[in-house]
Amino acid sequence: SRPSEILKKTILPVVDYQVCRSLYPNETTPDIFCAGEINGFTDVCRLDGGGPAAYSVE
């Protein structure tokens, strides 16, 4: 399929580092953060993993 011509966004919760590390032990390093719904359906668009993300600390 073709990429969307409309920019889309979603809000994903940040996943605890230790949880992320247990799920992805070979990909998790101290300089990254994981986000997403572990048991949910909200995700990035197909083939867009690794795209830019913004992280707001409140």
PDB file of N, CA and C in Angstrom:
ATOM      1  N   SER A   1       0.835  -1.189   0.000  1.00  0.00           N
ATOM      2  CA  SER A   1       0.000   0.000   0.000  1.00  0.00           C
ATOM      3  C   SER A   1       0.875   1.245   0.000  1.00  0.00           C
ATOM      4  N   ARG A   2       0.294   2.361  -0.350  1.00  0.00           N
ATOM      5  CA  ARG A   2       1.031   3.626  -0.412  1.00  0.00           C
ATOM      6  C   ARG A   2       0.997   4.327   0.942  1.00  0.00           C
ATOM      7  N   PRO A   3       2.025   5.131   1.222  1.00  0.00           N
ATOM      8  CA  PRO A   3       2.010   5.912   2.463  1.00  0.00           C
ATOM      9  C   PRO A   3       0.871   6.928   2.463  1.00  0.00           C
ATOM     10  N   SER A   4       0.387   7.262   3.640  1.00  0.00           N
ATOM     11  CA  SER A   4      -0.663   8.265   3.767  1.00  0.00           C
ATOM     12  C   SER A   4      -0.115   9.643   3.422  1.00  0.00           C
ATOM     13  N   GLU A   5      -0.909  10.455   2.782  1.00  0.00           N
ATOM     14  CA  GLU A   5      -0.522  11.835   2.496  1.00  0.00           C
ATOM     15  C   GLU A   5      -0.889  12.756   3.654  1.00  0.00           C
ATOM     16  N   ILE A   6      -1.589  12.228   4.648  1.00  0.00           N
ATOM     17  CA  ILE A   6      -2.010  12.997   5.817  1.00  0.00           C
ATOM     18  C   ILE A   6      -1.185  12.542   7.019  1.00  0.00           C
ATOM     19  N   LEU A   7      -0.510  13.496   7.676  1.00  0.00           N
ATOM     20  CA  LEU A   7       0.269  13.179   8.864  1.00  0.00           C
ATOM     21  C   LEU A   7      -0.662  12.722   9.980  1.00  0.00           C
ATOM     22  N   LYS A   8      -0.348  11.606  10.575  1.00  0.00           N
ATOM     23  CA  LYS A   8      -1.177  11.060  11.650  1.00  0.00           C
ATOM     24  C   LYS A   8      -0.371  11.035  12.942  1.00  0.00           C
ATOM     25  N   LYS A   9      -1.083  11.033  14.070  1.00  0.00           N
ATOM     26  CA  LYS A   9      -0.401  10.969  15.359  1.00  0.00           C
ATOM     27  C   LYS A   9      -1.227  10.142  16.325  1.00  0.00           C
ATOM     28  N   THR A  10      -0.582   9.723  17.388  1.00  0.00           N
ATOM     29  CA  THR A  10      -1.255   8.992  18.449  1.00  0.00           C
ATOM     30  C   THR A  10      -0.538   9.305  19.758  1.00  0.00           C
ATOM     31  N   ILE A  11      -1.158   8.988  20.845  1.00  0.00           N
ATOM     32  CA  ILE A  11      -0.544   9.146  22.159  1.00  0.00           C
ATOM     33  C   ILE A  11      -0.318   7.749  22.718  1.00  0.00           C
ATOM     34  N   LEU A  12       0.932   7.462  23.050  1.00  0.00           N
ATOM     35  CA  LEU A  12       1.292   6.154  23.577  1.00  0.00           C
ATOM     36  C   LEU A  12       1.880   6.306  24.973  1.00  0.00           C
ATOM     37  N   PRO A  13       1.521   5.427  25.897  1.00  0.00           N
ATOM     38  CA  PRO A  13       2.130   5.498  27.225  1.00  0.00           C
ATOM     39  C   PRO A  13       3.581   5.028  27.174  1.00  0.00           C
ATOM     40  N   VAL A  14       4.426   5.622  28.018  1.00  0.00           N
ATOM     41  CA  VAL A  14       5.810   5.173  28.133  1.00  0.00           C
ATOM     42  C   VAL A  14       5.819   3.879  28.942  1.00  0.00           C
ATOM     43  N   VAL A  15       6.573   2.907  28.469  1.00  0.00           N
ATOM     44  CA  VAL A  15       6.674   1.608  29.132  1.00  0.00           C
ATOM     45  C   VAL A  15       7.887   1.628  30.061  1.00  0.00           C
ATOM     46  N   ASP A  16       7.720   1.113  31.267  1.00  0.00           N
ATOM     47  CA  ASP A  16       8.809   1.031  32.229  1.00  0.00           C
ATOM     48  C   ASP A  16      10.026   0.365  31.588  1.00  0.00           C
ATOM     49  N   TYR A  17      11.214   0.915  31.853  1.00  0.00           N
ATOM     50  CA  TYR A  17      12.444   0.421  31.230  1.00  0.00           C
ATOM     51  C   TYR A  17      12.664  -1.071  31.482  1.00  0.00           C
ATOM     52  N   GLN A  18      12.445  -1.533  32.704  1.00  0.00           N
ATOM     53  CA  GLN A  18      12.668  -2.954  33.012  1.00  0.00           C
ATOM     54  C   GLN A  18      11.671  -3.849  32.282  1.00  0.00           C
ATOM     55  N   VAL A  19      10.437  -3.387  32.127  1.00  0.00           N
ATOM     56  CA  VAL A  19       9.440  -4.143  31.365  1.00  0.00           C
ATOM     57  C   VAL A  19       9.870  -4.212  29.907  1.00  0.00           C
ATOM     58  N   CYS A  20      10.282  -3.089  29.367  1.00  0.00           N
ATOM     59  CA  CYS A  20      10.745  -3.038  27.981  1.00  0.00           C
ATOM     60  C   CYS A  20      11.932  -3.973  27.780  1.00  0.00           C
ATOM     61  N   ARG A  21      12.859  -3.920  28.719  1.00  0.00           N
ATOM     62  CA  ARG A  21      14.057  -4.763  28.615  1.00  0.00           C
ATOM     63  C   ARG A  21      13.704  -6.247  28.663  1.00  0.00           C
ATOM     64  N   SER A  22      12.696  -6.605  29.461  1.00  0.00           N
ATOM     65  CA  SER A  22      12.297  -8.014  29.529  1.00  0.00           C
ATOM     66  C   SER A  22      11.611  -8.466  28.237  1.00  0.00           C
ATOM     67  N   LEU A  23      10.923  -7.543  27.561  1.00  0.00           N
ATOM     68  CA  LEU A  23      10.249  -7.874  26.303  1.00  0.00           C
ATOM     69  C   LEU A  23      11.198  -7.860  25.113  1.00  0.00           C
ATOM     70  N   TYR A  24      12.169  -6.944  25.117  1.00  0.00           N
ATOM     71  CA  TYR A  24      13.098  -6.766  23.996  1.00  0.00           C
ATOM     72  C   TYR A  24      14.537  -6.707  24.510  1.00  0.00           C
ATOM     73  N   PRO A  25      15.058  -7.800  25.050  1.00  0.00           N
ATOM     74  CA  PRO A  25      16.380  -7.758  25.693  1.00  0.00           C
ATOM     75  C   PRO A  25      17.529  -7.394  24.759  1.00  0.00           C
ATOM     76  N   ASN A  26      17.444  -7.742  23.501  1.00  0.00           N
ATOM     77  CA  ASN A  26      18.543  -7.465  22.572  1.00  0.00           C
ATOM     78  C   ASN A  26      18.476  -6.075  21.957  1.00  0.00           C
ATOM     79  N   GLU A  27      17.342  -5.403  22.054  1.00  0.00           N
ATOM     80  CA  GLU A  27      17.179  -4.088  21.446  1.00  0.00           C
ATOM     81  C   GLU A  27      17.165  -2.952  22.458  1.00  0.00           C
ATOM     82  N   THR A  28      17.062  -3.259  23.746  1.00  0.00           N
ATOM     83  CA  THR A  28      16.910  -2.229  24.769  1.00  0.00           C
ATOM     84  C   THR A  28      18.272  -1.789  25.296  1.00  0.00           C
ATOM     85  N   THR A  29      18.545  -0.491  25.160  1.00  0.00           N
ATOM     86  CA  THR A  29      19.777   0.096  25.678  1.00  0.00           C
ATOM     87  C   THR A  29      19.395   1.279  26.562  1.00  0.00           C
ATOM     88  N   PRO A  30      20.292   1.739  27.433  1.00  0.00           N
ATOM     89  CA  PRO A  30      19.960   2.830  28.362  1.00  0.00           C
ATOM     90  C   PRO A  30      19.598   4.157  27.690  1.00  0.00           C
ATOM     91  N   ASP A  31      19.918   4.337  26.420  1.00  0.00           N
ATOM     92  CA  ASP A  31      19.652   5.616  25.760  1.00  0.00           C
ATOM     93  C   ASP A  31      18.352   5.634  24.959  1.00  0.00           C
ATOM     94  N   ILE A  32      17.475   4.654  25.159  1.00  0.00           N
ATOM     95  CA  ILE A  32      16.190   4.645  24.461  1.00  0.00           C
ATOM     96  C   ILE A  32      15.051   4.604  25.477  1.00  0.00           C
ATOM     97  N   PHE A  33      13.839   4.880  24.988  1.00  0.00           N
ATOM     98  CA  PHE A  33      12.656   4.644  25.802  1.00  0.00           C
ATOM     99  C   PHE A  33      11.673   3.854  24.968  1.00  0.00           C
ATOM    100  N   CYS A  34      10.837   3.077  25.622  1.00  0.00           N
ATOM    101  CA  CYS A  34       9.810   2.291  24.941  1.00  0.00           C
ATOM    102  C   CYS A  34       8.457   2.942  25.183  1.00  0.00           C
ATOM    103  N   ALA A  35       7.618   2.880  24.187  1.00  0.00           N
ATOM    104  CA  ALA A  35       6.270   3.421  24.318  1.00  0.00           C
ATOM    105  C   ALA A  35       5.311   2.511  23.568  1.00  0.00           C
ATOM    106  N   GLY A  36       4.104   2.424  24.064  1.00  0.00           N
ATOM    107  CA  GLY A  36       3.084   1.626  23.409  1.00  0.00           C
ATOM    108  C   GLY A  36       2.206   0.942  24.428  1.00  0.00           C
ATOM    109  N   GLU A  37       1.184   0.311  23.943  1.00  0.00           N
ATOM    110  CA  GLU A  37       0.272  -0.436  24.796  1.00  0.00           C
ATOM    111  C   GLU A  37       0.643  -1.900  24.691  1.00  0.00           C
ATOM    112  N   ILE A  38       1.158  -2.456  25.762  1.00  0.00           N
ATOM    113  CA  ILE A  38       1.630  -3.839  25.733  1.00  0.00           C
ATOM    114  C   ILE A  38       0.510  -4.799  25.356  1.00  0.00           C
ATOM    115  N   ASN A  39      -0.683  -4.590  25.885  1.00  0.00           N
ATOM    116  CA  ASN A  39      -1.816  -5.466  25.581  1.00  0.00           C
ATOM    117  C   ASN A  39      -2.905  -4.740  24.806  1.00  0.00           C
ATOM    118  N   GLY A  40      -2.550  -3.673  24.122  1.00  0.00           N
ATOM    119  CA  GLY A  40      -3.550  -2.873  23.424  1.00  0.00           C
ATOM    120  C   GLY A  40      -3.387  -2.918  21.923  1.00  0.00           C
ATOM    121  N   PHE A  41      -4.067  -1.988  21.269  1.00  0.00           N
ATOM    122  CA  PHE A  41      -4.089  -1.991  19.817  1.00  0.00           C
ATOM    123  C   PHE A  41      -3.493  -0.730  19.203  1.00  0.00           C
ATOM    124  N   THR A  42      -3.146   0.268  20.007  1.00  0.00           N
ATOM    125  CA  THR A  42      -2.563   1.487  19.464  1.00  0.00           C
ATOM    126  C   THR A  42      -1.103   1.224  19.147  1.00  0.00           C
ATOM    127  N   ASP A  43      -0.696   1.558  17.932  1.00  0.00           N
ATOM    128  CA  ASP A  43       0.658   1.267  17.493  1.00  0.00           C
ATOM    129  C   ASP A  43       1.039   2.270  16.418  1.00  0.00           C
ATOM    130  N   VAL A  44       2.276   2.183  15.968  1.00  0.00           N
ATOM    131  CA  VAL A  44       2.703   3.022  14.856  1.00  0.00           C
ATOM    132  C   VAL A  44       2.112   2.467  13.568  1.00  0.00           C
ATOM    133  N   CYS A  45       2.157   3.260  12.525  1.00  0.00           N
ATOM    134  CA  CYS A  45       1.672   2.799  11.228  1.00  0.00           C
ATOM    135  C   CYS A  45       2.577   1.694  10.694  1.00  0.00           C
ATOM    136  N   ARG A  46       2.030   0.883   9.834  1.00  0.00           N
ATOM    137  CA  ARG A  46       2.787  -0.207   9.228  1.00  0.00           C
ATOM    138  C   ARG A  46       4.066   0.326   8.592  1.00  0.00           C
ATOM    139  N   LEU A  47       5.173  -0.335   8.844  1.00  0.00           N
ATOM    140  CA  LEU A  47       6.498   0.013   8.310  1.00  0.00           C
ATOM    141  C   LEU A  47       7.047   1.325   8.846  1.00  0.00           C
ATOM    142  N   ASP A  48       6.481   1.866   9.938  1.00  0.00           N
ATOM    143  CA  ASP A  48       6.949   3.145  10.470  1.00  0.00           C
ATOM    144  C   ASP A  48       7.677   2.984  11.800  1.00  0.00           C
ATOM    145  N   GLY A  49       7.958   1.768  12.204  1.00  0.00           N
ATOM    146  CA  GLY A  49       8.715   1.569  13.435  1.00  0.00           C
ATOM    147  C   GLY A  49      10.077   2.236  13.324  1.00  0.00           C
ATOM    148  N   GLY A  50      10.484   2.902  14.381  1.00  0.00           N
ATOM    149  CA  GLY A  50      11.749   3.623  14.347  1.00  0.00           C
ATOM    150  C   GLY A  50      11.615   5.048  13.867  1.00  0.00           C
ATOM    151  N   GLY A  51      10.383   5.470  13.584  1.00  0.00           N
ATOM    152  CA  GLY A  51      10.154   6.861  13.186  1.00  0.00           C
ATOM    153  C   GLY A  51      10.352   7.787  14.373  1.00  0.00           C
ATOM    154  N   PRO A  52      10.373   9.090  14.134  1.00  0.00           N
ATOM    155  CA  PRO A  52      10.610  10.040  15.226  1.00  0.00           C
ATOM    156  C   PRO A  52       9.495  10.016  16.272  1.00  0.00           C
ATOM    157  N   ALA A  53       9.879  10.339  17.496  1.00  0.00           N
ATOM    158  CA  ALA A  53       8.920  10.407  18.595  1.00  0.00           C
ATOM    159  C   ALA A  53       9.251  11.622  19.450  1.00  0.00           C
ATOM    160  N   ALA A  54       8.235  12.196  20.048  1.00  0.00           N
ATOM    161  CA  ALA A  54       8.423  13.305  20.984  1.00  0.00           C
ATOM    162  C   ALA A  54       8.046  12.799  22.368  1.00  0.00           C
ATOM    163  N   TYR A  55       8.822  13.198  23.364  1.00  0.00           N
ATOM    164  CA  TYR A  55       8.605  12.736  24.735  1.00  0.00           C
ATOM    165  C   TYR A  55       8.511  13.953  25.640  1.00  0.00           C
ATOM    166  N   SER A  56       7.378  14.106  26.321  1.00  0.00           N
ATOM    167  CA  SER A  56       7.155  15.261  27.185  1.00  0.00           C
ATOM    168  C   SER A  56       7.229  14.842  28.647  1.00  0.00           C
ATOM    169  N   VAL A  57       8.063  15.517  29.415  1.00  0.00           N
ATOM    170  CA  VAL A  57       8.175  15.244  30.846  1.00  0.00           C
ATOM    171  C   VAL A  57       7.350  16.282  31.581  1.00  0.00           C
ATOM    172  N   GLU A  58       6.368  15.812  32.340  1.00  0.00           N
ATOM    173  CA  GLU A  58       5.495  16.742  33.061  1.00  0.00           C
ATOM    174  C   GLU A  58       5.785  16.710  34.536  1.00  0.00           C
TER     175      GLU A  58
END
